[in-house]
Amino acid sequence: MDQAVQDTPSTPTSINRRSFLRGDFRGRRIPLLPPWSVDPQRFLSLCTRCGDCLEACPEGILSMVGGGYPEVRFDRGECTFCGECAEVCRPGALRAEGEPWRLRAVVGAECLVHGGVACQVCGDQCDAGAIRFIHRAGRMPAPVLDRDACNGCGACYAPCPTRAIGFTEEETR
């Protein structure tokens, strides 16, 4: 189950209108399925696109994408893993069993620290303590991600001024 993640690198030659209007000028943004999604192919066959999960999400981070399927939008906030989306999913495309997902944050090259600008906003927002800053002599403190502590909630994504935070899916924990 290798679910695609937001801001996955690729090198497309062109983009469609929807990508352009969403600000995805590189055509590389792939929808992120809600927590507790069954494997992506099964999800697409089970999801009826009813929108019940969107209405149930107290954080308002779910929205419909092309074809009417729900996706997580961390630019709207973080997931609290309340399970309400899975609770209302009648067809079983979301099942609140086990870990909600295996997403982990990744700090990219766009991070302001790499340009010599002091910023620690992602670490300040991380309640799990997964993003820490290591002080280095004569340089800006560098972000270091503790992948075991990261739960993929997305709290670090929206406040990042350069959108340097991305997400990847781990095979096992």
C-alpha atoms as a PDB file:
ATOM      1  CA  MET A   1       0.000   0.000   0.000  1.00  0.00           C
ATOM      2  CA  ASP A   2       2.238   2.744  -1.203  1.00  0.00           C
ATOM      3  CA  GLN A   3      -0.106   5.721  -0.908  1.00  0.00           C
ATOM      4  CA  ALA A   4       0.953   8.836  -2.765  1.00  0.00           C
ATOM      5  CA  VAL A   5       1.665  11.910  -0.707  1.00  0.00           C
ATOM      6  CA  GLN A   6       1.424  15.655  -1.038  1.00  0.00           C
ATOM      7  CA  ASP A   7       4.163  17.385  -3.009  1.00  0.00           C
ATOM      8  CA  THR A   8       5.679  14.230  -4.448  1.00  0.00           C
ATOM      9  CA  PRO A   9       8.539  15.122  -6.806  1.00  0.00           C
ATOM     10  CA  SER A  10       8.072  14.392 -10.476  1.00  0.00           C
ATOM     11  CA  THR A  11       8.982  15.946 -13.792  1.00  0.00           C
ATOM     12  CA  PRO A  12       5.833  16.274 -15.903  1.00  0.00           C
ATOM     13  CA  THR A  13       5.957  18.070 -19.226  1.00  0.00           C
ATOM     14  CA  SER A  14       2.560  19.750 -18.803  1.00  0.00           C
ATOM     15  CA  ILE A  15      -0.198  20.216 -16.249  1.00  0.00           C
ATOM     16  CA  ASN A  16      -3.960  20.193 -16.479  1.00  0.00           C
ATOM     17  CA  ARG A  17      -6.249  23.121 -15.728  1.00  0.00           C
ATOM     18  CA  ARG A  18      -7.256  21.800 -12.300  1.00  0.00           C
ATOM     19  CA  SER A  19      -3.603  21.576 -11.215  1.00  0.00           C
ATOM     20  CA  PHE A  20      -2.958  25.096 -12.465  1.00  0.00           C
ATOM     21  CA  LEU A  21      -5.983  26.533 -10.625  1.00  0.00           C
ATOM     22  CA  ARG A  22      -4.924  24.801  -7.411  1.00  0.00           C
ATOM     23  CA  GLY A  23      -1.502  26.405  -7.628  1.00  0.00           C
ATOM     24  CA  ASP A  24       0.172  23.108  -8.498  1.00  0.00           C
ATOM     25  CA  PHE A  25       2.273  24.608 -11.282  1.00  0.00           C
ATOM     26  CA  ARG A  26       4.559  21.600 -11.492  1.00  0.00           C
ATOM     27  CA  GLY A  27       1.739  19.049 -11.675  1.00  0.00           C
ATOM     28  CA  ARG A  28       3.262  17.063  -8.837  1.00  0.00           C
ATOM     29  CA  ARG A  29       0.694  17.275  -6.051  1.00  0.00           C
ATOM     30  CA  ILE A  30      -0.939  13.905  -5.488  1.00  0.00           C
ATOM     31  CA  PRO A  31      -4.037  13.667  -3.273  1.00  0.00           C
ATOM     32  CA  LEU A  32      -3.503  12.338   0.236  1.00  0.00           C
ATOM     33  CA  LEU A  33      -6.189   9.853   1.278  1.00  0.00           C
ATOM     34  CA  PRO A  34      -7.868  10.311   4.676  1.00  0.00           C
ATOM     35  CA  PRO A  35      -6.547   8.481   7.741  1.00  0.00           C
ATOM     36  CA  TRP A  36      -7.572   4.840   8.095  1.00  0.00           C
ATOM     37  CA  SER A  37      -8.043   4.494   4.329  1.00  0.00           C
ATOM     38  CA  VAL A  38      -7.922   0.971   3.018  1.00  0.00           C
ATOM     39  CA  ASP A  39      -5.337   0.411   0.273  1.00  0.00           C
ATOM     40  CA  PRO A  40      -5.707   3.014  -2.513  1.00  0.00           C
ATOM     41  CA  GLN A  41      -7.190   0.770  -5.193  1.00  0.00           C
ATOM     42  CA  ARG A  42      -9.695  -0.723  -2.783  1.00  0.00           C
ATOM     43  CA  PHE A  43     -10.457   2.756  -1.463  1.00  0.00           C
ATOM     44  CA  LEU A  44     -11.394   3.952  -4.956  1.00  0.00           C
ATOM     45  CA  SER A  45     -13.710   0.994  -5.453  1.00  0.00           C
ATOM     46  CA  LEU A  46     -15.381   1.304  -2.021  1.00  0.00           C
ATOM     47  CA  CYS A  47     -15.707   5.080  -1.645  1.00  0.00           C
ATOM     48  CA  THR A  48     -19.120   6.262  -2.827  1.00  0.00           C
ATOM     49  CA  ARG A  49     -18.062   9.937  -2.670  1.00  0.00           C
ATOM     50  CA  CYS A  50     -20.983  10.675  -0.353  1.00  0.00           C
ATOM     51  CA  GLY A  51     -19.089  13.384   1.554  1.00  0.00           C
ATOM     52  CA  ASP A  52     -20.046  12.087   4.996  1.00  0.00           C
ATOM     53  CA  CYS A  53     -16.390  12.029   6.065  1.00  0.00           C
ATOM     54  CA  LEU A  54     -16.005  15.694   5.083  1.00  0.00           C
ATOM     55  CA  GLU A  55     -18.967  16.716   7.192  1.00  0.00           C
ATOM     56  CA  ALA A  56     -17.795  14.591  10.136  1.00  0.00           C
ATOM     57  CA  CYS A  57     -14.241  15.983  10.246  1.00  0.00           C
ATOM     58  CA  PRO A  58     -14.159  18.499  13.135  1.00  0.00           C
ATOM     59  CA  GLU A  59     -10.875  19.969  11.871  1.00  0.00           C
ATOM     60  CA  GLY A  60     -12.246  20.615   8.373  1.00  0.00           C
ATOM     61  CA  ILE A  61      -9.143  19.225   6.684  1.00  0.00           C
ATOM     62  CA  LEU A  62     -10.951  16.948   4.236  1.00  0.00           C
ATOM     63  CA  SER A  63     -12.062  18.148   0.825  1.00  0.00           C
ATOM     64  CA  MET A  64     -13.183  16.599  -2.442  1.00  0.00           C
ATOM     65  CA  VAL A  65     -10.716  16.204  -5.308  1.00  0.00           C
ATOM     66  CA  GLY A  66     -11.075  15.194  -8.934  1.00  0.00           C
ATOM     67  CA  GLY A  67     -13.733  12.557  -9.258  1.00  0.00           C
ATOM     68  CA  GLY A  68     -15.240  13.601  -5.916  1.00  0.00           C
ATOM     69  CA  TYR A  69     -12.964  11.545  -3.660  1.00  0.00           C
ATOM     70  CA  PRO A  70     -11.924  12.910  -0.236  1.00  0.00           C
ATOM     71  CA  GLU A  71      -8.373  14.066   0.415  1.00  0.00           C
ATOM     72  CA  VAL A  72      -6.553  15.490   3.411  1.00  0.00           C
ATOM     73  CA  ARG A  73      -5.554  19.144   3.095  1.00  0.00           C
ATOM     74  CA  PHE A  74      -2.912  19.984   5.672  1.00  0.00           C
ATOM     75  CA  ASP A  75      -2.961  23.597   4.510  1.00  0.00           C
ATOM     76  CA  ARG A  76      -6.267  23.791   6.426  1.00  0.00           C
ATOM     77  CA  GLY A  77      -4.925  22.347   9.665  1.00  0.00           C
ATOM     78  CA  GLU A  78      -3.831  19.142  11.297  1.00  0.00           C
ATOM     79  CA  CYS A  79      -5.403  15.737  11.831  1.00  0.00           C
ATOM     80  CA  THR A  80      -6.220  14.975  15.465  1.00  0.00           C
ATOM     81  CA  PHE A  81      -6.970  11.312  14.670  1.00  0.00           C
ATOM     82  CA  CYS A  82     -10.389  11.579  16.266  1.00  0.00           C
ATOM     83  CA  GLY A  83     -11.695   8.824  13.969  1.00  0.00           C
ATOM     84  CA  GLU A  84     -14.952  10.596  13.133  1.00  0.00           C
ATOM     85  CA  CYS A  85     -14.334  10.245   9.374  1.00  0.00           C
ATOM     86  CA  ALA A  86     -13.936   6.471   9.678  1.00  0.00           C
ATOM     87  CA  GLU A  87     -16.897   6.212  12.034  1.00  0.00           C
ATOM     88  CA  VAL A  88     -19.322   7.626   9.449  1.00  0.00           C
ATOM     89  CA  CYS A  89     -17.897   5.748   6.449  1.00  0.00           C
ATOM     90  CA  ARG A  90     -20.691   3.308   5.622  1.00  0.00           C
ATOM     91  CA  PRO A  91     -19.049   1.566   2.640  1.00  0.00           C
ATOM     92  CA  GLY A  92     -15.865   0.798   4.629  1.00  0.00           C
ATOM     93  CA  ALA A  93     -13.343   2.804   2.601  1.00  0.00           C
ATOM     94  CA  LEU A  94     -12.128   4.165   5.975  1.00  0.00           C
ATOM     95  CA  ARG A  95     -11.704   1.749   8.871  1.00  0.00           C
ATOM     96  CA  ALA A  96     -10.516   2.949  12.270  1.00  0.00           C
ATOM     97  CA  GLU A  97      -8.308  -0.074  12.928  1.00  0.00           C
ATOM     98  CA  GLY A  98      -4.669   0.095  13.931  1.00  0.00           C
ATOM     99  CA  GLU A  99      -2.510   3.024  12.893  1.00  0.00           C
ATOM    100  CA  PRO A 100      -4.372   5.748  10.985  1.00  0.00           C
ATOM    101  CA  TRP A 101      -1.578   5.877   8.408  1.00  0.00           C
ATOM    102  CA  ARG A 102       2.163   5.595   8.031  1.00  0.00           C
ATOM    103  CA  LEU A 103       2.820   9.169   6.972  1.00  0.00           C
ATOM    104  CA  ARG A 104       5.906  10.900   8.244  1.00  0.00           C
ATOM    105  CA  ALA A 105       6.984  14.475   7.687  1.00  0.00           C
ATOM    106  CA  VAL A 106      10.043  15.328   5.601  1.00  0.00           C
ATOM    107  CA  VAL A 107      11.844  18.673   5.725  1.00  0.00           C
ATOM    108  CA  GLY A 108      12.868  19.696   2.217  1.00  0.00           C
ATOM    109  CA  ALA A 109      15.575  21.858   0.739  1.00  0.00           C
ATOM    110  CA  GLU A 110      13.195  24.854   0.678  1.00  0.00           C
ATOM    111  CA  CYS A 111      13.613  25.194   4.467  1.00  0.00           C
ATOM    112  CA  LEU A 112      14.646  28.741   5.347  1.00  0.00           C
ATOM    113  CA  VAL A 113      17.461  27.446   7.547  1.00  0.00           C
ATOM    114  CA  HIS A 114      19.322  26.306   4.424  1.00  0.00           C
ATOM    115  CA  GLY A 115      19.284  29.921   3.224  1.00  0.00           C
ATOM    116  CA  GLY A 116      20.660  31.235   6.503  1.00  0.00           C
ATOM    117  CA  VAL A 117      17.305  32.411   7.893  1.00  0.00           C
ATOM    118  CA  ALA A 118      16.363  31.498  11.451  1.00  0.00           C
ATOM    119  CA  CYS A 119      13.015  29.697  11.515  1.00  0.00           C
ATOM    120  CA  GLN A 120      11.739  27.001  13.835  1.00  0.00           C
ATOM    121  CA  VAL A 121       8.005  27.288  13.274  1.00  0.00           C
ATOM    122  CA  CYS A 122       7.579  23.625  12.290  1.00  0.00           C
ATOM    123  CA  GLY A 123       9.195  22.465  15.520  1.00  0.00           C
ATOM    124  CA  ASP A 124       7.093  24.899  17.542  1.00  0.00           C
ATOM    125  CA  GLN A 125       3.914  23.391  16.076  1.00  0.00           C
ATOM    126  CA  CYS A 126       4.915  19.751  16.572  1.00  0.00           C
ATOM    127  CA  ASP A 127       3.187  18.512  19.734  1.00  0.00           C
ATOM    128  CA  ALA A 128       4.732  15.068  19.202  1.00  0.00           C
ATOM    129  CA  GLY A 129       8.222  16.597  19.516  1.00  0.00           C
ATOM    130  CA  ALA A 130       9.270  14.961  16.259  1.00  0.00           C
ATOM    131  CA  ILE A 131      10.977  18.055  14.828  1.00  0.00           C
ATOM    132  CA  ARG A 132      13.902  19.358  16.822  1.00  0.00           C
ATOM    133  CA  PHE A 133      16.610  21.828  15.962  1.00  0.00           C
ATOM    134  CA  ILE A 134      20.246  20.939  16.384  1.00  0.00           C
ATOM    135  CA  HIS A 135      22.537  23.875  17.097  1.00  0.00           C
ATOM    136  CA  ARG A 136      25.664  24.025  14.957  1.00  0.00           C
ATOM    137  CA  ALA A 137      28.639  26.296  15.492  1.00  0.00           C
ATOM    138  CA  GLY A 138      28.501  29.312  13.173  1.00  0.00           C
ATOM    139  CA  ARG A 139      25.329  28.160  11.376  1.00  0.00           C
ATOM    140  CA  MET A 140      21.584  28.227  11.827  1.00  0.00           C
ATOM    141  CA  PRO A 141      20.095  25.408  13.914  1.00  0.00           C
ATOM    142  CA  ALA A 142      19.093  22.619  11.533  1.00  0.00           C
ATOM    143  CA  PRO A 143      15.776  20.760  11.701  1.00  0.00           C
ATOM    144  CA  VAL A 144      16.073  17.072  12.527  1.00  0.00           C
ATOM    145  CA  LEU A 145      13.081  14.788  12.267  1.00  0.00           C
ATOM    146  CA  ASP A 146      12.555  11.889  14.658  1.00  0.00           C
ATOM    147  CA  ARG A 147      10.617   9.572  12.348  1.00  0.00           C
ATOM    148  CA  ASP A 148       9.606   7.310  15.239  1.00  0.00           C
ATOM    149  CA  ALA A 149       7.991  10.243  17.051  1.00  0.00           C
ATOM    150  CA  CYS A 150       6.271  11.674  13.951  1.00  0.00           C
ATOM    151  CA  ASN A 151       2.631  10.635  13.622  1.00  0.00           C
ATOM    152  CA  GLY A 152       2.020  12.434  10.322  1.00  0.00           C
ATOM    153  CA  CYS A 153      -0.610  14.781  11.804  1.00  0.00           C
ATOM    154  CA  GLY A 154       0.406  17.667   9.514  1.00  0.00           C
ATOM    155  CA  ALA A 155       0.603  20.342  12.225  1.00  0.00           C
ATOM    156  CA  CYS A 156       3.971  21.412  10.816  1.00  0.00           C
ATOM    157  CA  TYR A 157       2.755  21.875   7.236  1.00  0.00           C
ATOM    158  CA  ALA A 158       0.503  24.964   7.197  1.00  0.00           C
ATOM    159  CA  PRO A 159       2.687  27.271   9.307  1.00  0.00           C
ATOM    160  CA  CYS A 160       5.807  26.643   7.195  1.00  0.00           C
ATOM    161  CA  PRO A 161       6.341  29.854   5.202  1.00  0.00           C
ATOM    162  CA  THR A 162       8.112  28.086   2.320  1.00  0.00           C
ATOM    163  CA  ARG A 163       6.095  24.835   2.249  1.00  0.00           C
ATOM    164  CA  ALA A 164       9.323  22.952   2.916  1.00  0.00           C
ATOM    165  CA  ILE A 165       7.406  20.203   4.711  1.00  0.00           C
ATOM    166  CA  GLY A 166       6.344  17.205   2.679  1.00  0.00           C
ATOM    167  CA  PHE A 167       5.163  13.749   3.636  1.00  0.00           C
ATOM    168  CA  THR A 168       6.246  10.258   2.839  1.00  0.00           C
ATOM    169  CA  GLU A 169       4.722   6.922   3.681  1.00  0.00           C
ATOM    170  CA  GLU A 170       6.846   4.444   5.584  1.00  0.00           C
ATOM    171  CA  GLU A 171       6.545   0.721   4.975  1.00  0.00           C
ATOM    172  CA  THR A 172       6.779  -0.342   8.616  1.00  0.00           C
ATOM    173  CA  ARG A 173       7.356   1.218  12.012  1.00  0.00           C
END
